[in-house]
Structures are given as C-alpha cells and as structure tokens.
PDB file of N, CA and C in Angstrom:
ATOM      1  N   MET A   1     -32.137  35.966 -33.763  1.00  0.00           N
ATOM      2  CA  MET A   1     -31.406  34.732 -33.894  1.00  0.00           C
ATOM      3  C   MET A   1     -31.029  34.471 -35.354  1.00  0.00           C
ATOM      4  N   PHE A   2     -31.939  34.695 -36.269  1.00  0.00           N
ATOM      5  CA  PHE A   2     -31.665  34.433 -37.683  1.00  0.00           C
ATOM      6  C   PHE A   2     -30.456  35.215 -38.178  1.00  0.00           C
ATOM      7  N   GLU A   3     -30.364  36.476 -37.806  1.00  0.00           N
ATOM      8  CA  GLU A   3     -29.256  37.310 -38.281  1.00  0.00           C
ATOM      9  C   GLU A   3     -27.912  36.783 -37.804  1.00  0.00           C
ATOM     10  N   SER A   4     -27.832  36.322 -36.571  1.00  0.00           N
ATOM     11  CA  SER A   4     -26.552  35.800 -36.071  1.00  0.00           C
ATOM     12  C   SER A   4     -26.187  34.486 -36.758  1.00  0.00           C
ATOM     13  N   ILE A   5     -27.177  33.641 -37.044  1.00  0.00           N
ATOM     14  CA  ILE A   5     -26.922  32.392 -37.766  1.00  0.00           C
ATOM     15  C   ILE A   5     -26.453  32.702 -39.179  1.00  0.00           C
ATOM     16  N   LEU A   6     -27.129  33.615 -39.847  1.00  0.00           N
ATOM     17  CA  LEU A   6     -26.758  34.002 -41.205  1.00  0.00           C
ATOM     18  C   LEU A   6     -25.337  34.554 -41.239  1.00  0.00           C
ATOM     19  N   LYS A   7     -24.982  35.356 -40.269  1.00  0.00           N
ATOM     20  CA  LYS A   7     -23.631  35.922 -40.195  1.00  0.00           C
ATOM     21  C   LYS A   7     -22.593  34.810 -40.067  1.00  0.00           C
ATOM     22  N   ARG A   8     -22.853  33.821 -39.217  1.00  0.00           N
ATOM     23  CA  ARG A   8     -21.918  32.705 -39.040  1.00  0.00           C
ATOM     24  C   ARG A   8     -21.800  31.876 -40.314  1.00  0.00           C
ATOM     25  N   ILE A   9     -22.918  31.635 -40.984  1.00  0.00           N
ATOM     26  CA  ILE A   9     -22.896  30.859 -42.221  1.00  0.00           C
ATOM     27  C   ILE A   9     -22.097  31.602 -43.292  1.00  0.00           C
ATOM     28  N   ARG A  10     -22.339  32.887 -43.438  1.00  0.00           N
ATOM     29  CA  ARG A  10     -21.605  33.681 -44.428  1.00  0.00           C
ATOM     30  C   ARG A  10     -20.101  33.640 -44.161  1.00  0.00           C
ATOM     31  N   GLU A  11     -19.738  33.761 -42.881  1.00  0.00           N
ATOM     32  CA  GLU A  11     -18.328  33.706 -42.493  1.00  0.00           C
ATOM     33  C   GLU A  11     -17.694  32.383 -42.911  1.00  0.00           C
ATOM     34  N   LYS A  12     -18.377  31.287 -42.625  1.00  0.00           N
ATOM     35  CA  LYS A  12     -17.855  29.959 -42.960  1.00  0.00           C
ATOM     36  C   LYS A  12     -17.703  29.783 -44.463  1.00  0.00           C
ATOM     37  N   VAL A  13     -18.663  30.291 -45.233  1.00  0.00           N
ATOM     38  CA  VAL A  13     -18.589  30.172 -46.691  1.00  0.00           C
ATOM     39  C   VAL A  13     -17.427  30.997 -47.213  1.00  0.00           C
ATOM     40  N   ARG A  14     -17.290  32.218 -46.736  1.00  0.00           N
ATOM     41  CA  ARG A  14     -16.181  33.071 -47.193  1.00  0.00           C
ATOM     42  C   ARG A  14     -14.821  32.447 -46.895  1.00  0.00           C
ATOM     43  N   MET A  15     -14.723  31.779 -45.751  1.00  0.00           N
ATOM     44  CA  MET A  15     -13.471  31.151 -45.345  1.00  0.00           C
ATOM     45  C   MET A  15     -13.311  29.733 -45.904  1.00  0.00           C
ATOM     46  N   ARG A  16     -14.315  29.303 -46.689  1.00  0.00           N
ATOM     47  CA  ARG A  16     -14.330  27.951 -47.273  1.00  0.00           C
ATOM     48  C   ARG A  16     -14.226  26.877 -46.193  1.00  0.00           C
ATOM     49  N   GLN A  17     -14.917  27.098 -45.095  1.00  0.00           N
ATOM     50  CA  GLN A  17     -14.932  26.157 -43.982  1.00  0.00           C
ATOM     51  C   GLN A  17     -16.266  25.418 -43.950  1.00  0.00           C
ATOM     52  N   TYR A  18     -16.511  24.641 -44.988  1.00  0.00           N
ATOM     53  CA  TYR A  18     -17.755  23.888 -45.075  1.00  0.00           C
ATOM     54  C   TYR A  18     -17.507  22.584 -45.815  1.00  0.00           C
ATOM     55  N   VAL A  19     -18.419  21.661 -45.649  1.00  0.00           N
ATOM     56  CA  VAL A  19     -18.329  20.361 -46.298  1.00  0.00           C
ATOM     57  C   VAL A  19     -19.691  20.045 -46.895  1.00  0.00           C
ATOM     58  N   VAL A  20     -19.700  19.556 -48.123  1.00  0.00           N
ATOM     59  CA  VAL A  20     -20.929  19.074 -48.730  1.00  0.00           C
ATOM     60  C   VAL A  20     -20.813  17.552 -48.766  1.00  0.00           C
ATOM     61  N   THR A  21     -21.618  16.892 -47.960  1.00  0.00           N
ATOM     62  CA  THR A  21     -21.573  15.438 -47.892  1.00  0.00           C
ATOM     63  C   THR A  21     -22.556  14.832 -48.882  1.00  0.00           C
ATOM     64  N   LEU A  22     -22.394  13.556 -49.143  1.00  0.00           N
ATOM     65  CA  LEU A  22     -23.339  12.838 -49.992  1.00  0.00           C
ATOM     66  C   LEU A  22     -24.732  12.901 -49.365  1.00  0.00           C
ATOM     67  N   HIS A  23     -24.787  12.750 -48.045  1.00  0.00           N
ATOM     68  CA  HIS A  23     -26.067  12.827 -47.342  1.00  0.00           C
ATOM     69  C   HIS A  23     -26.720  14.199 -47.558  1.00  0.00           C
ATOM     70  N   ALA A  24     -25.914  15.253 -47.504  1.00  0.00           N
ATOM     71  CA  ALA A  24     -26.448  16.606 -47.713  1.00  0.00           C
ATOM     72  C   ALA A  24     -27.044  16.746 -49.112  1.00  0.00           C
ATOM     73  N   GLU A  25     -26.350  16.206 -50.094  1.00  0.00           N
ATOM     74  CA  GLU A  25     -26.872  16.270 -51.467  1.00  0.00           C
ATOM     75  C   GLU A  25     -28.201  15.534 -51.581  1.00  0.00           C
ATOM     76  N   GLU A  26     -28.305  14.377 -50.920  1.00  0.00           N
ATOM     77  CA  GLU A  26     -29.559  13.623 -50.948  1.00  0.00           C
ATOM     78  C   GLU A  26     -30.668  14.361 -50.203  1.00  0.00           C
ATOM     79  N   GLU A  27     -30.335  14.980 -49.084  1.00  0.00           N
ATOM     80  CA  GLU A  27     -31.326  15.688 -48.274  1.00  0.00           C
ATOM     81  C   GLU A  27     -31.857  16.946 -48.942  1.00  0.00           C
ATOM     82  N   MET A  28     -31.098  17.528 -49.838  1.00  0.00           N
ATOM     83  CA  MET A  28     -31.543  18.738 -50.521  1.00  0.00           C
ATOM     84  C   MET A  28     -32.815  18.485 -51.324  1.00  0.00           C
ATOM     85  N   ASP A  29     -33.050  17.230 -51.676  1.00  0.00           N
ATOM     86  CA  ASP A  29     -34.236  16.886 -52.455  1.00  0.00           C
ATOM     87  C   ASP A  29     -35.395  16.395 -51.601  1.00  0.00           C
ATOM     88  N   SER A  30     -35.225  16.331 -50.270  1.00  0.00           N
ATOM     89  CA  SER A  30     -36.285  15.782 -49.415  1.00  0.00           C
ATOM     90  C   SER A  30     -36.811  16.823 -48.442  1.00  0.00           C
ATOM     91  N   ILE A  31     -37.953  16.524 -47.870  1.00  0.00           N
ATOM     92  CA  ILE A  31     -38.578  17.401 -46.876  1.00  0.00           C
ATOM     93  C   ILE A  31     -38.386  16.756 -45.512  1.00  0.00           C
ATOM     94  N   THR A  32     -37.760  17.490 -44.600  1.00  0.00           N
ATOM     95  CA  THR A  32     -37.521  16.976 -43.248  1.00  0.00           C
ATOM     96  C   THR A  32     -37.960  18.024 -42.231  1.00  0.00           C
ATOM     97  N   ALA A  33     -37.882  17.661 -40.950  1.00  0.00           N
ATOM     98  CA  ALA A  33     -38.301  18.573 -39.892  1.00  0.00           C
ATOM     99  C   ALA A  33     -37.183  19.529 -39.462  1.00  0.00           C
ATOM    100  N   GLU A  34     -35.982  19.382 -40.023  1.00  0.00           N
ATOM    101  CA  GLU A  34     -34.862  20.229 -39.628  1.00  0.00           C
ATOM    102  C   GLU A  34     -35.006  21.632 -40.219  1.00  0.00           C
ATOM    103  N   TRP A  35     -34.397  22.609 -39.521  1.00  0.00           N
ATOM    104  CA  TRP A  35     -34.371  23.968 -40.044  1.00  0.00           C
ATOM    105  C   TRP A  35     -33.370  24.008 -41.186  1.00  0.00           C
ATOM    106  N   LYS A  36     -33.811  24.466 -42.347  1.00  0.00           N
ATOM    107  CA  LYS A  36     -32.928  24.607 -43.501  1.00  0.00           C
ATOM    108  C   LYS A  36     -32.927  26.064 -43.919  1.00  0.00           C
ATOM    109  N   TYR A  37     -31.768  26.538 -44.302  1.00  0.00           N
ATOM    110  CA  TYR A  37     -31.625  27.911 -44.756  1.00  0.00           C
ATOM    111  C   TYR A  37     -31.150  27.900 -46.200  1.00  0.00           C
ATOM    112  N   LEU A  38     -31.813  28.658 -47.041  1.00  0.00           N
ATOM    113  CA  LEU A  38     -31.433  28.816 -48.440  1.00  0.00           C
ATOM    114  C   LEU A  38     -30.865  30.225 -48.579  1.00  0.00           C
ATOM    115  N   ILE A  39     -29.627  30.302 -48.989  1.00  0.00           N
ATOM    116  CA  ILE A  39     -28.943  31.585 -49.101  1.00  0.00           C
ATOM    117  C   ILE A  39     -28.527  31.762 -50.557  1.00  0.00           C
ATOM    118  N   THR A  40     -28.912  32.868 -51.149  1.00  0.00           N
ATOM    119  CA  THR A  40     -28.520  33.161 -52.524  1.00  0.00           C
ATOM    120  C   THR A  40     -27.707  34.441 -52.559  1.00  0.00           C
ATOM    121  N   GLY A  41     -26.832  34.530 -53.521  1.00  0.00           N
ATOM    122  CA  GLY A  41     -26.016  35.726 -53.635  1.00  0.00           C
ATOM    123  C   GLY A  41     -25.041  35.620 -54.787  1.00  0.00           C
ATOM    124  N   LYS A  42     -23.996  36.405 -54.726  1.00  0.00           N
ATOM    125  CA  LYS A  42     -22.960  36.433 -55.747  1.00  0.00           C
ATOM    126  C   LYS A  42     -21.617  36.098 -55.107  1.00  0.00           C
ATOM    127  N   THR A  43     -20.772  35.392 -55.864  1.00  0.00           N
ATOM    128  CA  THR A  43     -19.417  35.129 -55.406  1.00  0.00           C
ATOM    129  C   THR A  43     -18.589  36.391 -55.620  1.00  0.00           C
ATOM    130  N   PHE A  44     -17.347  36.371 -55.159  1.00  0.00           N
ATOM    131  CA  PHE A  44     -16.482  37.535 -55.341  1.00  0.00           C
ATOM    132  C   PHE A  44     -16.219  37.842 -56.806  1.00  0.00           C
ATOM    133  N   ASN A  45     -16.291  36.801 -57.664  1.00  0.00           N
ATOM    134  CA  ASN A  45     -16.060  37.056 -59.090  1.00  0.00           C
ATOM    135  C   ASN A  45     -17.358  37.250 -59.867  1.00  0.00           C
ATOM    136  N   GLY A  46     -18.485  37.436 -59.158  1.00  0.00           N
ATOM    137  CA  GLY A  46     -19.742  37.799 -59.801  1.00  0.00           C
ATOM    138  C   GLY A  46     -20.647  36.651 -60.205  1.00  0.00           C
ATOM    139  N   ARG A  47     -20.253  35.415 -59.941  1.00  0.00           N
ATOM    140  CA  ARG A  47     -21.096  34.269 -60.298  1.00  0.00           C
ATOM    141  C   ARG A  47     -22.212  34.104 -59.266  1.00  0.00           C
ATOM    142  N   ASP A  48     -23.359  33.586 -59.722  1.00  0.00           N
ATOM    143  CA  ASP A  48     -24.467  33.301 -58.818  1.00  0.00           C
ATOM    144  C   ASP A  48     -24.106  32.105 -57.938  1.00  0.00           C
ATOM    145  N   ILE A  49     -24.573  32.135 -56.681  1.00  0.00           N
ATOM    146  CA  ILE A  49     -24.336  31.020 -55.769  1.00  0.00           C
ATOM    147  C   ILE A  49     -25.583  30.799 -54.927  1.00  0.00           C
ATOM    148  N   VAL A  50     -25.906  29.544 -54.687  1.00  0.00           N
ATOM    149  CA  VAL A  50     -27.022  29.168 -53.820  1.00  0.00           C
ATOM    150  C   VAL A  50     -26.482  28.169 -52.807  1.00  0.00           C
ATOM    151  N   ILE A  51     -26.764  28.408 -51.540  1.00  0.00           N
ATOM    152  CA  ILE A  51     -26.298  27.529 -50.478  1.00  0.00           C
ATOM    153  C   ILE A  51     -27.503  27.079 -49.673  1.00  0.00           C
ATOM    154  N   ILE A  52     -27.589  25.782 -49.444  1.00  0.00           N
ATOM    155  CA  ILE A  52     -28.627  25.235 -48.561  1.00  0.00           C
ATOM    156  C   ILE A  52     -27.905  24.622 -47.381  1.00  0.00           C
ATOM    157  N   THR A  53     -28.267  25.023 -46.188  1.00  0.00           N
ATOM    158  CA  THR A  53     -27.603  24.501 -45.008  1.00  0.00           C
ATOM    159  C   THR A  53     -28.623  24.085 -43.962  1.00  0.00           C
ATOM    160  N   VAL A  54     -28.262  23.100 -43.182  1.00  0.00           N
ATOM    161  CA  VAL A  54     -29.077  22.675 -42.059  1.00  0.00           C
ATOM    162  C   VAL A  54     -28.394  23.141 -40.812  1.00  0.00           C
ATOM    163  N   TYR A  55     -29.112  23.866 -39.983  1.00  0.00           N
ATOM    164  CA  TYR A  55     -28.525  24.410 -38.767  1.00  0.00           C
ATOM    165  C   TYR A  55     -28.834  23.483 -37.606  1.00  0.00           C
ATOM    166  N   VAL A  56     -27.779  23.035 -36.933  1.00  0.00           N
ATOM    167  CA  VAL A  56     -27.935  22.166 -35.773  1.00  0.00           C
ATOM    168  C   VAL A  56     -27.197  22.829 -34.605  1.00  0.00           C
ATOM    169  N   GLU A  57     -27.917  23.022 -33.502  1.00  0.00           N
ATOM    170  CA  GLU A  57     -27.282  23.629 -32.327  1.00  0.00           C
ATOM    171  C   GLU A  57     -26.529  22.600 -31.541  1.00  0.00           C
TER     172      GLU A  57
END
C-alpha cells in the first residue's frame, strides 16, 4: 500500500497538482492521529525538497 500511495504523491508533485493550505502549515507543527508522510528528495534543478502530506482515503 505504501508504494502505491508514494507513487501517487510523487505524480501529483511532479504535475504541480497540490495545495498547501494555512491549516496544513499549522498542522506540520502538531502531532495528530492522521497518517503523515515525509518525502525528501531533489527537484529537477537539483534543489533539496521536503514534502509532508496527510493521506486521506
């Protein structure tokens, strides 16, 4: 399951199909019961990138 979720998240990031809400920014600093994924990597131009996402089915 994790691999398929990661694949979908990567696809959305590459296609720039994501939104960072004010609530998301606030939640990044808190501990909740939701599943959160931290993804690190490099952008196409070589810059470091970190993505935190909450997966909701």
